[in-house]
C-alpha cells in the first residue's frame, strides 16, 4: 500500500513540476479529472497533455504510444498511476 501512495506522490509532484502549476502536489485529488471543465479537476488542455506525456516518459522510462490509451490513462492521478504500473511491470 505504501508503494501506491509513493507513486501517487511522485505523479502529483511530476504534474506540478512539469506544468509549472502554482499549487501543492498534495492538493490534487487522486480521482479528480485532470482534463476538462470539472470544477474539482485541474482543467488541463492538450498542450498540458503533451507536457505530461514527456514528463511521464522521462520520469518513469516508459512510452505512451497510443492516443486512445493516453486519454484513458491521463484521466486522473489514480488512472495515471495504474498506467505507469502496468507499463513498468
N, C-alpha and C. Protein backbone atom coordinates (compact mmCIF):
# COMPACT_ATOMS: atom_id res chain seq x y z
N UNK A 1 0.82 -1.20 0.00
CA UNK A 1 0.00 0.00 0.00
C UNK A 1 0.86 1.26 0.00
N UNK A 2 2.00 1.17 0.68
CA UNK A 2 2.89 2.31 0.76
C UNK A 2 3.41 2.70 -0.63
N UNK A 3 3.67 1.68 -1.46
CA UNK A 3 4.16 1.95 -2.80
C UNK A 3 3.14 2.73 -3.62
N UNK A 4 1.86 2.42 -3.43
CA UNK A 4 0.79 3.11 -4.15
C UNK A 4 0.80 4.59 -3.79
N UNK A 5 0.89 4.89 -2.50
CA UNK A 5 0.90 6.28 -2.04
C UNK A 5 2.16 7.01 -2.54
N UNK A 6 3.27 6.29 -2.55
CA UNK A 6 4.52 6.87 -3.04
C UNK A 6 4.41 7.20 -4.53
N UNK A 7 3.80 6.29 -5.29
CA UNK A 7 3.60 6.51 -6.72
C UNK A 7 2.70 7.72 -6.95
N UNK A 8 1.62 7.82 -6.19
CA UNK A 8 0.71 8.97 -6.34
C UNK A 8 1.44 10.27 -6.04
N UNK A 9 2.28 10.24 -5.01
CA UNK A 9 3.06 11.43 -4.67
C UNK A 9 4.00 11.83 -5.79
N UNK A 10 4.66 10.84 -6.37
CA UNK A 10 5.58 11.11 -7.49
C UNK A 10 4.84 11.69 -8.69
N UNK A 11 3.67 11.10 -8.99
CA UNK A 11 2.88 11.54 -10.14
C UNK A 11 2.38 12.98 -9.91
N UNK A 12 1.89 13.25 -8.71
CA UNK A 12 1.40 14.60 -8.40
C UNK A 12 2.53 15.63 -8.49
N UNK A 13 3.68 15.28 -7.93
CA UNK A 13 4.83 16.19 -7.98
C UNK A 13 5.26 16.43 -9.42
N UNK A 14 5.22 15.38 -10.23
CA UNK A 14 5.57 15.49 -11.65
C UNK A 14 4.61 16.42 -12.37
N UNK A 15 3.32 16.28 -12.11
CA UNK A 15 2.30 17.13 -12.74
C UNK A 15 2.57 18.60 -12.41
N UNK A 16 2.78 18.89 -11.14
CA UNK A 16 3.01 20.27 -10.70
C UNK A 16 4.30 20.82 -11.30
N UNK A 17 5.36 20.01 -11.26
CA UNK A 17 6.67 20.45 -11.77
C UNK A 17 6.64 20.61 -13.29
N UNK A 18 6.13 19.63 -13.98
CA UNK A 18 6.15 19.62 -15.45
C UNK A 18 5.28 20.74 -16.04
N UNK A 19 4.16 21.03 -15.39
CA UNK A 19 3.23 22.03 -15.92
C UNK A 19 3.41 23.39 -15.23
N UNK A 20 4.39 23.46 -14.33
CA UNK A 20 4.68 24.71 -13.61
C UNK A 20 3.42 25.27 -12.96
N UNK A 21 2.67 24.39 -12.31
CA UNK A 21 1.44 24.80 -11.61
C UNK A 21 1.81 25.41 -10.27
N UNK A 22 1.05 26.38 -9.86
CA UNK A 22 1.33 27.03 -8.58
C UNK A 22 0.38 26.50 -7.51
N UNK A 23 0.44 25.19 -7.32
CA UNK A 23 -0.36 24.53 -6.29
C UNK A 23 0.53 23.50 -5.59
N UNK A 24 0.08 23.05 -4.44
CA UNK A 24 0.79 21.99 -3.73
C UNK A 24 0.41 20.65 -4.35
N UNK A 25 1.38 19.77 -4.61
CA UNK A 25 1.04 18.44 -5.16
C UNK A 25 -0.02 17.72 -4.34
N UNK A 26 0.05 17.85 -3.02
CA UNK A 26 -0.91 17.18 -2.14
C UNK A 26 -2.34 17.67 -2.29
N UNK A 27 -2.52 18.83 -2.93
CA UNK A 27 -3.87 19.37 -3.09
C UNK A 27 -4.60 18.74 -4.28
N UNK A 28 -3.88 17.97 -5.10
CA UNK A 28 -4.51 17.30 -6.24
C UNK A 28 -5.21 16.04 -5.73
N UNK A 29 -6.51 15.94 -5.99
CA UNK A 29 -7.26 14.77 -5.56
C UNK A 29 -6.93 13.58 -6.46
N UNK A 30 -6.81 12.39 -5.84
CA UNK A 30 -6.43 11.18 -6.57
C UNK A 30 -7.37 10.85 -7.72
N UNK A 31 -8.67 11.08 -7.51
CA UNK A 31 -9.64 10.67 -8.52
C UNK A 31 -10.26 11.84 -9.28
N UNK A 32 -9.75 13.05 -9.06
CA UNK A 32 -10.26 14.22 -9.77
C UNK A 32 -9.80 14.18 -11.23
N UNK A 33 -10.66 14.59 -12.16
CA UNK A 33 -10.25 14.61 -13.57
C UNK A 33 -9.14 15.63 -13.81
N UNK A 34 -8.15 15.23 -14.58
CA UNK A 34 -7.05 16.14 -14.88
C UNK A 34 -7.43 17.11 -16.00
N UNK A 35 -8.29 16.65 -16.90
CA UNK A 35 -8.67 17.46 -18.07
C UNK A 35 -10.15 17.80 -18.02
N UNK A 36 -10.54 18.83 -18.77
CA UNK A 36 -11.95 19.18 -18.87
C UNK A 36 -12.35 20.29 -17.92
N UNK A 37 -13.66 20.50 -17.82
CA UNK A 37 -14.20 21.65 -17.09
C UNK A 37 -14.70 21.31 -15.70
N UNK A 38 -14.47 20.09 -15.24
CA UNK A 38 -14.94 19.72 -13.91
C UNK A 38 -14.28 20.62 -12.87
N UNK A 39 -15.09 21.30 -12.03
CA UNK A 39 -14.51 22.21 -11.04
C UNK A 39 -13.58 21.53 -10.02
N UNK A 40 -13.75 20.23 -9.80
CA UNK A 40 -12.87 19.52 -8.86
C UNK A 40 -11.55 19.10 -9.50
N UNK A 41 -11.47 19.24 -10.82
CA UNK A 41 -10.27 18.80 -11.54
C UNK A 41 -9.28 19.93 -11.77
N UNK A 42 -8.26 19.65 -12.57
CA UNK A 42 -7.21 20.63 -12.84
C UNK A 42 -7.49 21.46 -14.09
N UNK A 43 -8.38 20.99 -14.97
CA UNK A 43 -8.72 21.75 -16.17
C UNK A 43 -7.57 21.86 -17.17
N UNK A 44 -6.79 20.80 -17.29
CA UNK A 44 -5.67 20.81 -18.22
C UNK A 44 -6.16 20.75 -19.66
N UNK A 45 -5.28 21.15 -20.61
CA UNK A 45 -5.64 21.12 -22.02
C UNK A 45 -4.66 20.24 -22.81
N UNK A 46 -4.79 20.25 -24.13
CA UNK A 46 -3.99 19.36 -24.97
C UNK A 46 -2.50 19.68 -24.91
N UNK A 47 -2.14 20.93 -24.73
CA UNK A 47 -0.72 21.30 -24.60
C UNK A 47 -0.18 20.71 -23.30
N UNK A 48 -0.98 20.80 -22.24
CA UNK A 48 -0.58 20.20 -20.97
C UNK A 48 -0.40 18.69 -21.13
N UNK A 49 -1.26 18.07 -21.93
CA UNK A 49 -1.18 16.62 -22.15
C UNK A 49 0.17 16.25 -22.75
N UNK A 50 0.62 17.00 -23.73
CA UNK A 50 1.91 16.73 -24.35
C UNK A 50 3.04 16.86 -23.33
N UNK A 51 2.98 17.91 -22.53
CA UNK A 51 4.00 18.11 -21.49
C UNK A 51 4.00 16.95 -20.50
N UNK A 52 2.80 16.52 -20.13
CA UNK A 52 2.68 15.41 -19.18
C UNK A 52 3.24 14.12 -19.75
N UNK A 53 2.94 13.85 -21.02
CA UNK A 53 3.46 12.64 -21.67
C UNK A 53 4.98 12.66 -21.63
N UNK A 54 5.57 13.79 -21.99
CA UNK A 54 7.03 13.91 -21.97
C UNK A 54 7.58 13.67 -20.56
N UNK A 55 6.92 14.26 -19.57
CA UNK A 55 7.36 14.10 -18.19
C UNK A 55 7.26 12.67 -17.71
N UNK A 56 6.15 12.01 -18.03
CA UNK A 56 5.94 10.61 -17.62
C UNK A 56 6.98 9.72 -18.29
N UNK A 57 7.22 9.94 -19.57
CA UNK A 57 8.20 9.12 -20.30
C UNK A 57 9.60 9.29 -19.70
N UNK A 58 9.95 10.52 -19.35
CA UNK A 58 11.27 10.80 -18.80
C UNK A 58 11.40 10.27 -17.37
N UNK A 59 10.39 10.54 -16.54
CA UNK A 59 10.43 10.17 -15.12
C UNK A 59 10.41 8.66 -14.92
N UNK A 60 9.55 7.97 -15.67
CA UNK A 60 9.34 6.55 -15.42
C UNK A 60 9.93 5.64 -16.50
N UNK A 61 10.52 6.24 -17.54
CA UNK A 61 11.17 5.46 -18.59
C UNK A 61 10.22 4.56 -19.36
N UNK A 62 8.98 5.06 -19.58
CA UNK A 62 8.01 4.28 -20.35
C UNK A 62 7.53 5.11 -21.54
N UNK A 63 6.99 4.45 -22.53
CA UNK A 63 6.48 5.13 -23.72
C UNK A 63 4.95 5.16 -23.69
N UNK A 64 4.40 6.34 -24.02
CA UNK A 64 2.95 6.48 -24.19
C UNK A 64 2.74 6.52 -25.69
N UNK A 65 2.27 5.40 -26.26
CA UNK A 65 2.23 5.29 -27.71
C UNK A 65 0.88 5.63 -28.31
N UNK A 66 -0.16 5.11 -27.72
CA UNK A 66 -1.48 5.19 -28.32
C UNK A 66 -2.27 6.34 -27.69
N UNK A 67 -2.77 7.23 -28.54
CA UNK A 67 -3.51 8.39 -28.05
C UNK A 67 -4.75 7.98 -27.25
N UNK A 68 -5.42 6.94 -27.72
CA UNK A 68 -6.62 6.47 -27.04
C UNK A 68 -6.30 5.98 -25.62
N UNK A 69 -5.21 5.23 -25.51
CA UNK A 69 -4.75 4.76 -24.20
C UNK A 69 -4.39 5.96 -23.35
N UNK A 70 -3.74 6.94 -23.97
CA UNK A 70 -3.32 8.14 -23.27
C UNK A 70 -4.49 8.89 -22.66
N UNK A 71 -5.58 9.02 -23.41
CA UNK A 71 -6.76 9.73 -22.92
C UNK A 71 -7.29 9.06 -21.66
N UNK A 72 -7.37 7.73 -21.69
CA UNK A 72 -7.86 6.98 -20.54
C UNK A 72 -6.85 7.02 -19.39
N UNK A 73 -5.59 6.86 -19.72
CA UNK A 73 -4.53 6.80 -18.71
C UNK A 73 -4.35 8.14 -17.99
N UNK A 74 -4.65 9.23 -18.67
CA UNK A 74 -4.44 10.55 -18.09
C UNK A 74 -5.73 11.14 -17.52
N UNK A 75 -6.71 10.29 -17.25
CA UNK A 75 -8.00 10.75 -16.74
C UNK A 75 -7.87 11.33 -15.33
N UNK A 76 -7.05 10.71 -14.50
CA UNK A 76 -6.88 11.15 -13.11
C UNK A 76 -5.52 10.66 -12.61
N UNK A 77 -5.16 11.08 -11.41
CA UNK A 77 -3.91 10.61 -10.81
C UNK A 77 -3.97 9.10 -10.63
N UNK A 78 -5.11 8.59 -10.16
CA UNK A 78 -5.26 7.13 -9.99
C UNK A 78 -5.04 6.40 -11.31
N UNK A 79 -5.67 6.88 -12.38
CA UNK A 79 -5.55 6.24 -13.69
C UNK A 79 -4.10 6.30 -14.19
N UNK A 80 -3.46 7.41 -13.95
CA UNK A 80 -2.07 7.58 -14.38
C UNK A 80 -1.14 6.63 -13.65
N UNK A 81 -1.37 6.46 -12.35
CA UNK A 81 -0.57 5.52 -11.56
C UNK A 81 -0.76 4.09 -12.05
N UNK A 82 -2.01 3.72 -12.33
CA UNK A 82 -2.28 2.37 -12.84
C UNK A 82 -1.60 2.16 -14.19
N UNK A 83 -1.63 3.19 -15.04
CA UNK A 83 -0.99 3.09 -16.35
C UNK A 83 0.51 2.89 -16.21
N UNK A 84 1.15 3.71 -15.36
CA UNK A 84 2.60 3.62 -15.16
C UNK A 84 2.96 2.24 -14.61
N UNK A 85 2.19 1.76 -13.63
CA UNK A 85 2.49 0.45 -13.04
C UNK A 85 2.32 -0.67 -14.06
N UNK A 86 1.30 -0.57 -14.92
CA UNK A 86 1.09 -1.63 -15.92
C UNK A 86 2.21 -1.63 -16.97
N UNK A 87 2.73 -0.45 -17.31
CA UNK A 87 3.81 -0.36 -18.28
C UNK A 87 5.14 -0.81 -17.67
N UNK A 88 5.32 -0.54 -16.39
CA UNK A 88 6.58 -0.86 -15.73
C UNK A 88 6.67 -2.35 -15.39
N UNK A 89 5.53 -3.00 -15.30
CA UNK A 89 5.50 -4.42 -14.91
C UNK A 89 6.11 -5.31 -15.97
